[in-house]
Amino acid sequence: MENWILTSETKQIDNYLCYKATNTYTVVNIKGTFKFPVTAWYCPKLPYGFGPLGYGNLPGLILELQVRNVNYHSKSIDLKTKLDFSTDFLKKATLLSEEQLNKKIDEFNNFDGK
């Protein structure tokens, strides 16, 4: 999601200082176009631009997210994992807008095998 509005409002989530960001989720259907507020609390100390439901593109991990009338909260944060996991692949990752992703999907589905 792009076009986040970053605010200086803060709150603590599990001893992490988080900042509030807001956005709008747009739904278009036969009854019209509806815009719903989205609120994310992200932590710059955890520099991963991801969150629940595919929301992200913020300067930190989203630890809490509110979309319409549903709240998503982090249950726990454990940075001392025994798993051997590297995030190096993220250096090569490319973020796409929804429009760019849909174009790529259309190109893939129209592939004629030549």
PDB file of N, CA and C in Angstrom:
ATOM      1  N   MET A   1       0.854  -1.167   0.000  1.00  0.00           N
ATOM      2  CA  MET A   1       0.000   0.000   0.000  1.00  0.00           C
ATOM      3  C   MET A   1       0.904   1.236   0.000  1.00  0.00           C
ATOM      4  N   GLU A   2       0.551   2.155  -0.822  1.00  0.00           N
ATOM      5  CA  GLU A   2       1.318   3.387  -0.930  1.00  0.00           C
ATOM      6  C   GLU A   2       0.529   4.538  -0.315  1.00  0.00           C
ATOM      7  N   ASN A   3       1.112   5.707  -0.329  1.00  0.00           N
ATOM      8  CA  ASN A   3       0.454   6.936   0.116  1.00  0.00           C
ATOM      9  C   ASN A   3       0.097   6.948   1.602  1.00  0.00           C
ATOM     10  N   TRP A   4       0.919   6.340   2.411  1.00  0.00           N
ATOM     11  CA  TRP A   4       0.713   6.403   3.857  1.00  0.00           C
ATOM     12  C   TRP A   4       0.921   7.832   4.335  1.00  0.00           C
ATOM     13  N   ILE A   5       0.175   8.221   5.333  1.00  0.00           N
ATOM     14  CA  ILE A   5       0.390   9.494   6.025  1.00  0.00           C
ATOM     15  C   ILE A   5       1.036   9.141   7.359  1.00  0.00           C
ATOM     16  N   LEU A   6       2.314   9.506   7.511  1.00  0.00           N
ATOM     17  CA  LEU A   6       3.051   9.203   8.735  1.00  0.00           C
ATOM     18  C   LEU A   6       2.793  10.306   9.747  1.00  0.00           C
ATOM     19  N   THR A   7       2.524   9.923  10.987  1.00  0.00           N
ATOM     20  CA  THR A   7       2.270  10.909  12.027  1.00  0.00           C
ATOM     21  C   THR A   7       3.351  10.800  13.099  1.00  0.00           C
ATOM     22  N   SER A   8       3.360  11.759  14.001  1.00  0.00           N
ATOM     23  CA  SER A   8       4.315  11.722  15.115  1.00  0.00           C
ATOM     24  C   SER A   8       3.693  11.064  16.349  1.00  0.00           C
ATOM     25  N   GLU A   9       2.446  10.623  16.237  1.00  0.00           N
ATOM     26  CA  GLU A   9       1.774   9.957  17.364  1.00  0.00           C
ATOM     27  C   GLU A   9       2.454   8.613  17.631  1.00  0.00           C
ATOM     28  N   THR A  10       2.706   8.340  18.909  1.00  0.00           N
ATOM     29  CA  THR A  10       3.420   7.109  19.270  1.00  0.00           C
ATOM     30  C   THR A  10       2.668   6.334  20.338  1.00  0.00           C
ATOM     31  N   LYS A  11       3.021   5.055  20.444  1.00  0.00           N
ATOM     32  CA  LYS A  11       2.567   4.227  21.554  1.00  0.00           C
ATOM     33  C   LYS A  11       3.517   3.041  21.683  1.00  0.00           C
ATOM     34  N   GLN A  12       3.570   2.470  22.866  1.00  0.00           N
ATOM     35  CA  GLN A  12       4.418   1.314  23.143  1.00  0.00           C
ATOM     36  C   GLN A  12       3.632   0.035  22.866  1.00  0.00           C
ATOM     37  N   ILE A  13       4.257  -0.857  22.116  1.00  0.00           N
ATOM     38  CA  ILE A  13       3.707  -2.192  21.897  1.00  0.00           C
ATOM     39  C   ILE A  13       4.817  -3.176  22.251  1.00  0.00           C
ATOM     40  N   ASP A  14       4.616  -3.935  23.331  1.00  0.00           N
ATOM     41  CA  ASP A  14       5.598  -4.922  23.791  1.00  0.00           C
ATOM     42  C   ASP A  14       7.008  -4.317  23.887  1.00  0.00           C
ATOM     43  N   ASN A  15       7.124  -3.181  24.546  1.00  0.00           N
ATOM     44  CA  ASN A  15       8.389  -2.471  24.753  1.00  0.00           C
ATOM     45  C   ASN A  15       9.014  -1.909  23.479  1.00  0.00           C
ATOM     46  N   TYR A  16       8.249  -1.828  22.401  1.00  0.00           N
ATOM     47  CA  TYR A  16       8.737  -1.222  21.163  1.00  0.00           C
ATOM     48  C   TYR A  16       7.983   0.085  20.946  1.00  0.00           C
ATOM     49  N   LEU A  17       8.724   1.133  20.636  1.00  0.00           N
ATOM     50  CA  LEU A  17       8.115   2.420  20.329  1.00  0.00           C
ATOM     51  C   LEU A  17       7.589   2.364  18.899  1.00  0.00           C
ATOM     52  N   CYS A  18       6.287   2.558  18.760  1.00  0.00           N
ATOM     53  CA  CYS A  18       5.642   2.478  17.453  1.00  0.00           C
ATOM     54  C   CYS A  18       5.056   3.825  17.066  1.00  0.00           C
ATOM     55  N   TYR A  19       4.988   4.050  15.770  1.00  0.00           N
ATOM     56  CA  TYR A  19       4.437   5.281  15.218  1.00  0.00           C
ATOM     57  C   TYR A  19       3.192   4.960  14.407  1.00  0.00           C
ATOM     58  N   LYS A  20       2.281   5.914  14.398  1.00  0.00           N
ATOM     59  CA  LYS A  20       1.015   5.739  13.708  1.00  0.00           C
ATOM     60  C   LYS A  20       1.127   6.216  12.258  1.00  0.00           C
ATOM     61  N   ALA A  21       0.545   5.411  11.369  1.00  0.00           N
ATOM     62  CA  ALA A  21       0.422   5.785   9.958  1.00  0.00           C
ATOM     63  C   ALA A  21      -1.020   5.511   9.543  1.00  0.00           C
ATOM     64  N   THR A  22      -1.551   6.362   8.679  1.00  0.00           N
ATOM     65  CA  THR A  22      -2.926   6.183   8.227  1.00  0.00           C
ATOM     66  C   THR A  22      -2.978   6.127   6.704  1.00  0.00           C
ATOM     67  N   ASN A  23      -4.034   5.512   6.223  1.00  0.00           N
ATOM     68  CA  ASN A  23      -4.245   5.373   4.794  1.00  0.00           C
ATOM     69  C   ASN A  23      -5.728   5.132   4.558  1.00  0.00           C
ATOM     70  N   THR A  24      -6.086   4.887   3.322  1.00  0.00           N
ATOM     71  CA  THR A  24      -7.474   4.626   2.972  1.00  0.00           C
ATOM     72  C   THR A  24      -7.546   3.368   2.118  1.00  0.00           C
ATOM     73  N   TYR A  25      -8.490   2.507   2.451  1.00  0.00           N
ATOM     74  CA  TYR A  25      -8.766   1.290   1.689  1.00  0.00           C
ATOM     75  C   TYR A  25     -10.024   1.565   0.865  1.00  0.00           C
ATOM     76  N   THR A  26      -9.931   1.413  -0.449  1.00  0.00           N
ATOM     77  CA  THR A  26     -11.055   1.729  -1.328  1.00  0.00           C
ATOM     78  C   THR A  26     -11.689   0.446  -1.853  1.00  0.00           C
ATOM     79  N   VAL A  27     -13.010   0.382  -1.748  1.00  0.00           N
ATOM     80  CA  VAL A  27     -13.781  -0.741  -2.277  1.00  0.00           C
ATOM     81  C   VAL A  27     -14.700  -0.193  -3.356  1.00  0.00           C
ATOM     82  N   VAL A  28     -14.652  -0.814  -4.532  1.00  0.00           N
ATOM     83  CA  VAL A  28     -15.523  -0.424  -5.630  1.00  0.00           C
ATOM     84  C   VAL A  28     -16.401  -1.630  -5.952  1.00  0.00           C
ATOM     85  N   ASN A  29     -17.712  -1.433  -5.897  1.00  0.00           N
ATOM     86  CA  ASN A  29     -18.639  -2.494  -6.266  1.00  0.00           C
ATOM     87  C   ASN A  29     -19.846  -1.884  -6.956  1.00  0.00           C
ATOM     88  N   ILE A  30     -20.861  -2.694  -7.210  1.00  0.00           N
ATOM     89  CA  ILE A  30     -22.009  -2.200  -7.971  1.00  0.00           C
ATOM     90  C   ILE A  30     -22.799  -1.124  -7.233  1.00  0.00           C
ATOM     91  N   LYS A  31     -22.609  -1.042  -5.917  1.00  0.00           N
ATOM     92  CA  LYS A  31     -23.316  -0.019  -5.140  1.00  0.00           C
ATOM     93  C   LYS A  31     -22.551   1.296  -5.066  1.00  0.00           C
ATOM     94  N   GLY A  32     -21.304   1.311  -5.546  1.00  0.00           N
ATOM     95  CA  GLY A  32     -20.538   2.553  -5.529  1.00  0.00           C
ATOM     96  C   GLY A  32     -19.099   2.347  -5.081  1.00  0.00           C
ATOM     97  N   THR A  33     -18.469   3.461  -4.781  1.00  0.00           N
ATOM     98  CA  THR A  33     -17.084   3.471  -4.303  1.00  0.00           C
ATOM     99  C   THR A  33     -17.100   3.885  -2.842  1.00  0.00           C
ATOM    100  N   PHE A  34     -16.438   3.065  -2.018  1.00  0.00           N
ATOM    101  CA  PHE A  34     -16.423   3.307  -0.585  1.00  0.00           C
ATOM    102  C   PHE A  34     -14.982   3.361  -0.101  1.00  0.00           C
ATOM    103  N   LYS A  35     -14.702   4.315   0.752  1.00  0.00           N
ATOM    104  CA  LYS A  35     -13.359   4.478   1.313  1.00  0.00           C
ATOM    105  C   LYS A  35     -13.420   4.215   2.815  1.00  0.00           C
ATOM    106  N   PHE A  36     -12.507   3.350   3.280  1.00  0.00           N
ATOM    107  CA  PHE A  36     -12.456   2.979   4.683  1.00  0.00           C
ATOM    108  C   PHE A  36     -11.083   3.339   5.243  1.00  0.00           C
ATOM    109  N   PRO A  37     -11.034   3.842   6.462  1.00  0.00           N
ATOM    110  CA  PRO A  37      -9.745   4.203   7.062  1.00  0.00           C
ATOM    111  C   PRO A  37      -8.924   2.961   7.423  1.00  0.00           C
ATOM    112  N   VAL A  38      -7.616   3.099   7.284  1.00  0.00           N
ATOM    113  CA  VAL A  38      -6.656   2.073   7.688  1.00  0.00           C
ATOM    114  C   VAL A  38      -5.665   2.748   8.629  1.00  0.00           C
ATOM    115  N   THR A  39      -5.437   2.135   9.788  1.00  0.00           N
ATOM    116  CA  THR A  39      -4.458   2.661  10.743  1.00  0.00           C
ATOM    117  C   THR A  39      -3.437   1.580  11.036  1.00  0.00           C
ATOM    118  N   ALA A  40      -2.170   1.934  10.914  1.00  0.00           N
ATOM    119  CA  ALA A  40      -1.083   0.997  11.192  1.00  0.00           C
ATOM    120  C   ALA A  40      -0.159   1.600  12.242  1.00  0.00           C
ATOM    121  N   TRP A  41       0.305   0.758  13.158  1.00  0.00           N
ATOM    122  CA  TRP A  41       1.329   1.134  14.132  1.00  0.00           C
ATOM    123  C   TRP A  41       2.578   0.344  13.781  1.00  0.00           C
ATOM    124  N   TYR A  42       3.626   1.058  13.384  1.00  0.00           N
ATOM    125  CA  TYR A  42       4.853   0.406  12.913  1.00  0.00           C
ATOM    126  C   TYR A  42       6.029   0.787  13.802  1.00  0.00           C
ATOM    127  N   CYS A  43       7.033  -0.072  13.788  1.00  0.00           N
ATOM    128  CA  CYS A  43       8.207   0.119  14.639  1.00  0.00           C
ATOM    129  C   CYS A  43       9.468   0.273  13.792  1.00  0.00           C
ATOM    130  N   PRO A  44      10.036   1.475  13.714  1.00  0.00           N
ATOM    131  CA  PRO A  44      11.260   1.676  12.935  1.00  0.00           C
ATOM    132  C   PRO A  44      12.455   0.868  13.454  1.00  0.00           C
ATOM    133  N   LYS A  45      12.436   0.488  14.749  1.00  0.00           N
ATOM    134  CA  LYS A  45      13.530  -0.318  15.297  1.00  0.00           C
ATOM    135  C   LYS A  45      13.570  -1.705  14.648  1.00  0.00           C
ATOM    136  N   LEU A  46      12.441  -2.155  14.118  1.00  0.00           N
ATOM    137  CA  LEU A  46      12.354  -3.417  13.374  1.00  0.00           C
ATOM    138  C   LEU A  46      12.207  -3.036  11.894  1.00  0.00           C
ATOM    139  N   PRO A  47      13.315  -2.860  11.173  1.00  0.00           N
ATOM    140  CA  PRO A  47      13.298  -2.239   9.845  1.00  0.00           C
ATOM    141  C   PRO A  47      12.831  -3.153   8.709  1.00  0.00           C
ATOM    142  N   TYR A  48      11.660  -3.738   8.863  1.00  0.00           N
ATOM    143  CA  TYR A  48      11.099  -4.617   7.845  1.00  0.00           C
ATOM    144  C   TYR A  48       9.761  -4.010   7.429  1.00  0.00           C
ATOM    145  N   GLY A  49       9.627  -3.642   6.177  1.00  0.00           N
ATOM    146  CA  GLY A  49       8.449  -2.932   5.701  1.00  0.00           C
ATOM    147  C   GLY A  49       7.254  -3.825   5.415  1.00  0.00           C
ATOM    148  N   PHE A  50       6.906  -4.696   6.352  1.00  0.00           N
ATOM    149  CA  PHE A  50       5.826  -5.653   6.143  1.00  0.00           C
ATOM    150  C   PHE A  50       4.803  -5.573   7.253  1.00  0.00           C
ATOM    151  N   GLY A  51       3.659  -6.205   7.021  1.00  0.00           N
ATOM    152  CA  GLY A  51       2.611  -6.265   8.024  1.00  0.00           C
ATOM    153  C   GLY A  51       1.562  -7.275   7.621  1.00  0.00           C
ATOM    154  N   PRO A  52       0.498  -7.384   8.398  1.00  0.00           N
ATOM    155  CA  PRO A  52      -0.555  -8.348   8.082  1.00  0.00           C
ATOM    156  C   PRO A  52      -1.329  -7.978   6.829  1.00  0.00           C
ATOM    157  N   LEU A  53      -1.911  -8.983   6.196  1.00  0.00           N
ATOM    158  CA  LEU A  53      -2.800  -8.813   5.032  1.00  0.00           C
ATOM    159  C   LEU A  53      -2.133  -8.155   3.837  1.00  0.00           C
ATOM    160  N   GLY A  54      -0.818  -8.215   3.760  1.00  0.00           N
ATOM    161  CA  GLY A  54      -0.120  -7.601   2.639  1.00  0.00           C
ATOM    162  C   GLY A  54       0.121  -6.117   2.798  1.00  0.00           C
ATOM    163  N   TYR A  55      -0.296  -5.536   3.907  1.00  0.00           N
ATOM    164  CA  TYR A  55      -0.019  -4.126   4.154  1.00  0.00           C
ATOM    165  C   TYR A  55       1.455  -3.979   4.510  1.00  0.00           C
ATOM    166  N   GLY A  56       2.031  -2.889   4.117  1.00  0.00           N
ATOM    167  CA  GLY A  56       3.437  -2.649   4.390  1.00  0.00           C
ATOM    168  C   GLY A  56       3.885  -1.359   3.750  1.00  0.00           C
ATOM    169  N   ASN A  57       5.135  -1.358   3.292  1.00  0.00           N
ATOM    170  CA  ASN A  57       5.731  -0.185   2.662  1.00  0.00           C
ATOM    171  C   ASN A  57       5.844   0.978   3.646  1.00  0.00           C
ATOM    172  N   LEU A  58       6.092   0.626   4.906  1.00  0.00           N
ATOM    173  CA  LEU A  58       6.342   1.624   5.949  1.00  0.00           C
ATOM    174  C   LEU A  58       7.780   1.445   6.438  1.00  0.00           C
ATOM    175  N   PRO A  59       8.345   2.451   7.093  1.00  0.00           N
ATOM    176  CA  PRO A  59       9.740   2.347   7.554  1.00  0.00           C
ATOM    177  C   PRO A  59       9.889   1.524   8.837  1.00  0.00           C
ATOM    178  N   GLY A  60       9.184   0.421   8.914  1.00  0.00           N
ATOM    179  CA  GLY A  60       9.269  -0.467  10.064  1.00  0.00           C
ATOM    180  C   GLY A  60       8.177  -1.512  10.019  1.00  0.00           C
ATOM    181  N   LEU A  61       8.350  -2.556  10.805  1.00  0.00           N
ATOM    182  CA  LEU A  61       7.394  -3.652  10.865  1.00  0.00           C
ATOM    183  C   LEU A  61       6.081  -3.188  11.490  1.00  0.00           C
ATOM    184  N   ILE A  62       4.957  -3.544  10.876  1.00  0.00           N
ATOM    185  CA  ILE A  62       3.643  -3.194  11.420  1.00  0.00           C
ATOM    186  C   ILE A  62       3.317  -4.180  12.535  1.00  0.00           C
ATOM    187  N   LEU A  63       3.149  -3.663  13.759  1.00  0.00           N
ATOM    188  CA  LEU A  63       2.826  -4.501  14.901  1.00  0.00           C
ATOM    189  C   LEU A  63       1.339  -4.483  15.236  1.00  0.00           C
ATOM    190  N   GLU A  64       0.633  -3.502  14.709  1.00  0.00           N
ATOM    191  CA  GLU A  64      -0.814  -3.422  14.924  1.00  0.00           C
ATOM    192  C   GLU A  64      -1.439  -2.775  13.701  1.00  0.00           C
ATOM    193  N   LEU A  65      -2.592  -3.308  13.288  1.00  0.00           N
ATOM    194  CA  LEU A  65      -3.251  -2.814  12.088  1.00  0.00           C
ATOM    195  C   LEU A  65      -4.761  -2.828  12.301  1.00  0.00           C
ATOM    196  N   GLN A  66      -5.416  -1.743  11.893  1.00  0.00           N
ATOM    197  CA  GLN A  66      -6.876  -1.694  11.928  1.00  0.00           C
ATOM    198  C   GLN A  66      -7.368  -1.393  10.518  1.00  0.00           C
ATOM    199  N   VAL A  67      -8.172  -2.318   9.987  1.00  0.00           N
ATOM    200  CA  VAL A  67      -8.770  -2.153   8.671  1.00  0.00           C
ATOM    201  C   VAL A  67     -10.272  -2.299   8.847  1.00  0.00           C
ATOM    202  N   ARG A  68     -10.979  -1.248   8.515  1.00  0.00           N
ATOM    203  CA  ARG A  68     -12.422  -1.170   8.746  1.00  0.00           C
ATOM    204  C   ARG A  68     -12.693  -1.422  10.220  1.00  0.00           C
ATOM    205  N   ASN A  69     -13.405  -2.455  10.565  1.00  0.00           N
ATOM    206  CA  ASN A  69     -13.724  -2.696  11.975  1.00  0.00           C
ATOM    207  C   ASN A  69     -12.985  -3.906  12.548  1.00  0.00           C
ATOM    208  N   VAL A  70     -11.866  -4.289  11.940  1.00  0.00           N
ATOM    209  CA  VAL A  70     -11.093  -5.443  12.391  1.00  0.00           C
ATOM    210  C   VAL A  70      -9.708  -4.972  12.828  1.00  0.00           C
ATOM    211  N   ASN A  71      -9.269  -5.452  14.005  1.00  0.00           N
ATOM    212  CA  ASN A  71      -7.942  -5.125  14.527  1.00  0.00           C
ATOM    213  C   ASN A  71      -7.042  -6.353  14.478  1.00  0.00           C
ATOM    214  N   TYR A  72      -5.809  -6.155  14.037  1.00  0.00           N
ATOM    215  CA  TYR A  72      -4.796  -7.208  14.018  1.00  0.00           C
ATOM    216  C   TYR A  72      -3.677  -6.760  14.949  1.00  0.00           C
ATOM    217  N   HIS A  73      -3.298  -7.619  15.889  1.00  0.00           N
ATOM    218  CA  HIS A  73      -2.266  -7.291  16.870  1.00  0.00           C
ATOM    219  C   HIS A  73      -1.186  -8.360  16.860  1.00  0.00           C
ATOM    220  N   SER A  74       0.045  -7.950  17.094  1.00  0.00           N
ATOM    221  CA  SER A  74       1.131  -8.907  17.273  1.00  0.00           C
ATOM    222  C   SER A  74       0.922  -9.636  18.594  1.00  0.00           C
ATOM    223  N   LYS A  75       1.048 -10.933  18.547  1.00  0.00           N
ATOM    224  CA  LYS A  75       0.884 -11.722  19.765  1.00  0.00           C
ATOM    225  C   LYS A  75       2.157 -11.687  20.598  1.00  0.00           C
ATOM    226  N   SER A  76       3.293 -11.815  19.937  1.00  0.00           N
ATOM    227  CA  SER A  76       4.578 -11.732  20.634  1.00  0.00           C
ATOM    228  C   SER A  76       5.666 -11.395  19.623  1.00  0.00           C
ATOM    229  N   ILE A  77       6.770 -10.921  20.138  1.00  0.00           N
ATOM    230  CA  ILE A  77       7.927 -10.581  19.308  1.00  0.00           C
ATOM    231  C   ILE A  77       9.128 -11.283  19.911  1.00  0.00           C
ATOM    232  N   ASP A  78       9.694 -12.212  19.165  1.00  0.00           N
ATOM    233  CA  ASP A  78      10.838 -12.993  19.651  1.00  0.00           C
ATOM    234  C   ASP A  78      11.960 -12.892  18.631  1.00  0.00           C
ATOM    235  N   LEU A  79      12.953 -12.074  18.946  1.00  0.00           N
ATOM    236  CA  LEU A  79      14.082 -11.898  18.027  1.00  0.00           C
ATOM    237  C   LEU A  79      15.201 -12.901  18.293  1.00  0.00           C
ATOM    238  N   LYS A  80      15.037 -13.742  19.302  1.00  0.00           N
ATOM    239  CA  LYS A  80      16.054 -14.721  19.662  1.00  0.00           C
ATOM    240  C   LYS A  80      15.645 -16.111  19.195  1.00  0.00           C
ATOM    241  N   THR A  81      15.348 -16.233  17.938  1.00  0.00           N
ATOM    242  CA  THR A  81      14.906 -17.504  17.396  1.00  0.00           C
ATOM    243  C   THR A  81      16.095 -18.418  17.118  1.00  0.00           C
ATOM    244  N   LYS A  82      15.853 -19.697  17.155  1.00  0.00           N
ATOM    245  CA  LYS A  82      16.886 -20.677  16.830  1.00  0.00           C
ATOM    246  C   LYS A  82      16.867 -21.015  15.348  1.00  0.00           C
ATOM    247  N   LEU A  83      15.910 -20.465  14.632  1.00  0.00           N
ATOM    248  CA  LEU A  83      15.827 -20.720  13.201  1.00  0.00           C
ATOM    249  C   LEU A  83      16.932 -19.982  12.472  1.00  0.00           C
ATOM    250  N   ASP A  84      17.476 -20.614  11.461  1.00  0.00           N
ATOM    251  CA  ASP A  84      18.504 -19.997  10.631  1.00  0.00           C
ATOM    252  C   ASP A  84      17.807 -19.404   9.408  1.00  0.00           C
ATOM    253  N   PHE A  85      17.471 -18.121   9.503  1.00  0.00           N
ATOM    254  CA  PHE A  85      16.718 -17.468   8.448  1.00  0.00           C
ATOM    255  C   PHE A  85      17.423 -16.184   8.053  1.00  0.00           C
ATOM    256  N   SER A  86      17.674 -16.041   6.781  1.00  0.00           N
ATOM    257  CA  SER A  86      18.341 -14.850   6.280  1.00  0.00           C
ATOM    258  C   SER A  86      17.348 -13.968   5.530  1.00  0.00           C
ATOM    259  N   THR A  87      17.447 -12.679   5.754  1.00  0.00           N
ATOM    260  CA  THR A  87      16.598 -11.734   5.021  1.00  0.00           C
ATOM    261  C   THR A  87      17.350 -11.102   3.848  1.00  0.00           C
ATOM    262  N   ASP A  88      18.481 -11.678   3.461  1.00  0.00           N
ATOM    263  CA  ASP A  88      19.272 -11.117   2.368  1.00  0.00           C
ATOM    264  C   ASP A  88      18.485 -11.028   1.060  1.00  0.00           C
ATOM    265  N   PHE A  89      17.553 -11.969   0.858  1.00  0.00           N
ATOM    266  CA  PHE A  89      16.764 -11.947  -0.374  1.00  0.00           C
ATOM    267  C   PHE A  89      15.945 -10.661  -0.504  1.00  0.00           C
ATOM    268  N   LEU A  90      15.670 -10.002   0.615  1.00  0.00           N
ATOM    269  CA  LEU A  90      14.879  -8.771   0.569  1.00  0.00           C
ATOM    270  C   LEU A  90      15.621  -7.639  -0.132  1.00  0.00           C
ATOM    271  N   LYS A  91      16.946  -7.722  -0.167  1.00  0.00           N
ATOM    272  CA  LYS A  91      17.732  -6.686  -0.840  1.00  0.00           C
ATOM    273  C   LYS A  91      17.465  -6.675  -2.339  1.00  0.00           C
ATOM    274  N   LYS A  92      17.033  -7.827  -2.885  1.00  0.00           N
ATOM    275  CA  LYS A  92      16.754  -7.938  -4.316  1.00  0.00           C
ATOM    276  C   LYS A  92      15.268  -7.803  -4.621  1.00  0.00           C
ATOM    277  N   ALA A  93      14.430  -7.761  -3.592  1.00  0.00           N
ATOM    278  CA  ALA A  93      12.981  -7.722  -3.785  1.00  0.00           C
ATOM    279  C   ALA A  93      12.555  -6.380  -4.374  1.00  0.00           C
ATOM    280  N   THR A  94      11.523  -6.423  -5.184  1.00  0.00           N
ATOM    281  CA  THR A  94      10.964  -5.226  -5.785  1.00  0.00           C
ATOM    282  C   THR A  94       9.522  -5.078  -5.330  1.00  0.00           C
ATOM    283  N   LEU A  95       9.189  -3.910  -4.818  1.00  0.00           N
ATOM    284  CA  LEU A  95       7.809  -3.634  -4.441  1.00  0.00           C
ATOM    285  C   LEU A  95       7.043  -3.175  -5.668  1.00  0.00           C
ATOM    286  N   LEU A  96       5.859  -3.748  -5.866  1.00  0.00           N
ATOM    287  CA  LEU A  96       5.012  -3.378  -6.987  1.00  0.00           C
ATOM    288  C   LEU A  96       3.725  -2.762  -6.467  1.00  0.00           C
ATOM    289  N   SER A  97       3.219  -1.813  -7.215  1.00  0.00           N
ATOM    290  CA  SER A  97       1.903  -1.287  -6.890  1.00  0.00           C
ATOM    291  C   SER A  97       0.880  -2.343  -7.311  1.00  0.00           C
ATOM    292  N   GLU A  98      -0.351  -2.185  -6.868  1.00  0.00           N
ATOM    293  CA  GLU A  98      -1.396  -3.144  -7.247  1.00  0.00           C
ATOM    294  C   GLU A  98      -1.577  -3.150  -8.766  1.00  0.00           C
ATOM    295  N   GLU A  99      -1.492  -1.986  -9.372  1.00  0.00           N
ATOM    296  CA  GLU A  99      -1.626  -1.885 -10.831  1.00  0.00           C
ATOM    297  C   GLU A  99      -0.497  -2.627 -11.538  1.00  0.00           C
ATOM    298  N   GLN A 100       0.740  -2.455 -11.056  1.00  0.00           N
ATOM    299  CA  GLN A 100       1.882  -3.148 -11.647  1.00  0.00           C
ATOM    300  C   GLN A 100       1.757  -4.663 -11.480  1.00  0.00           C
ATOM    301  N   LEU A 101       1.301  -5.102 -10.301  1.00  0.00           N
ATOM    302  CA  LEU A 101       1.124  -6.526 -10.053  1.00  0.00           C
ATOM    303  C   LEU A 101       0.070  -7.102 -10.993  1.00  0.00           C
ATOM    304  N   ASN A 102      -1.056  -6.416 -11.134  1.00  0.00           N
ATOM    305  CA  ASN A 102      -2.106  -6.895 -12.032  1.00  0.00           C
ATOM    306  C   ASN A 102      -1.614  -6.989 -13.465  1.00  0.00           C
ATOM    307  N   LYS A 103      -0.786  -6.038 -13.892  1.00  0.00           N
ATOM    308  CA  LYS A 103      -0.225  -6.079 -15.248  1.00  0.00           C
ATOM    309  C   LYS A 103       0.676  -7.295 -15.418  1.00  0.00           C
ATOM    310  N   LYS A 104       1.515  -7.580 -14.405  1.00  0.00           N
ATOM    311  CA  LYS A 104       2.395  -8.759 -14.460  1.00  0.00           C
ATOM    312  C   LYS A 104       1.578 -10.049 -14.523  1.00  0.00           C
ATOM    313  N   ILE A 105       0.502 -10.114 -13.738  1.00  0.00           N
ATOM    314  CA  ILE A 105      -0.356 -11.301 -13.741  1.00  0.00           C
ATOM    315  C   ILE A 105      -1.005 -11.468 -15.108  1.00  0.00           C
ATOM    316  N   ASP A 106      -1.497 -10.364 -15.685  1.00  0.00           N
ATOM    317  CA  ASP A 106      -2.093 -10.427 -17.019  1.00  0.00           C
ATOM    318  C   ASP A 106      -1.075 -10.897 -18.054  1.00  0.00           C
ATOM    319  N   GLU A 107       0.152 -10.379 -17.979  1.00  0.00           N
ATOM    320  CA  GLU A 107       1.210 -10.798 -18.907  1.00  0.00           C
ATOM    321  C   GLU A 107       1.493 -12.286 -18.747  1.00  0.00           C
ATOM    322  N   PHE A 108       1.552 -12.763 -17.513  1.00  0.00           N
ATOM    323  CA  PHE A 108       1.814 -14.180 -17.259  1.00  0.00           C
ATOM    324  C   PHE A 108       0.680 -15.055 -17.805  1.00  0.00           C
ATOM    325  N   ASN A 109      -0.558 -14.640 -17.567  1.00  0.00           N
ATOM    326  CA  ASN A 109      -1.715 -15.426 -18.026  1.00  0.00           C
ATOM    327  C   ASN A 109      -1.867 -15.423 -19.536  1.00  0.00           C
ATOM    328  N   ASN A 110      -1.342 -14.412 -20.206  1.00  0.00           N
ATOM    329  CA  ASN A 110      -1.424 -14.341 -21.661  1.00  0.00           C
ATOM    330  C   ASN A 110      -0.198 -14.924 -22.347  1.00  0.00           C
ATOM    331  N   PHE A 111       0.691 -15.546 -21.586  1.00  0.00           N
ATOM    332  CA  PHE A 111       1.896 -16.152 -22.141  1.00  0.00           C
ATOM    333  C   PHE A 111       1.505 -17.257 -23.089  1.00  0.00           C
ATOM    334  N   ASP A 112       2.034 -17.199 -24.323  1.00  0.00           N
ATOM    335  CA  ASP A 112       1.623 -18.189 -25.332  1.00  0.00           C
ATOM    336  C   ASP A 112       2.634 -19.321 -25.482  1.00  0.00           C
ATOM    337  N   GLY A 113       3.697 -19.331 -24.679  1.00  0.00           N
ATOM    338  CA  GLY A 113       4.645 -20.451 -24.687  1.00  0.00           C
ATOM    339  C   GLY A 113       5.712 -20.359 -25.757  1.00  0.00           C
ATOM    340  N   LYS A 114       5.786 -19.291 -26.504  1.00  0.00           N
ATOM    341  CA  LYS A 114       6.799 -19.162 -27.567  1.00  0.00           C
ATOM    342  C   LYS A 114       8.086 -18.611 -27.045  1.00  0.00           C
TER     343      LYS A 114
END
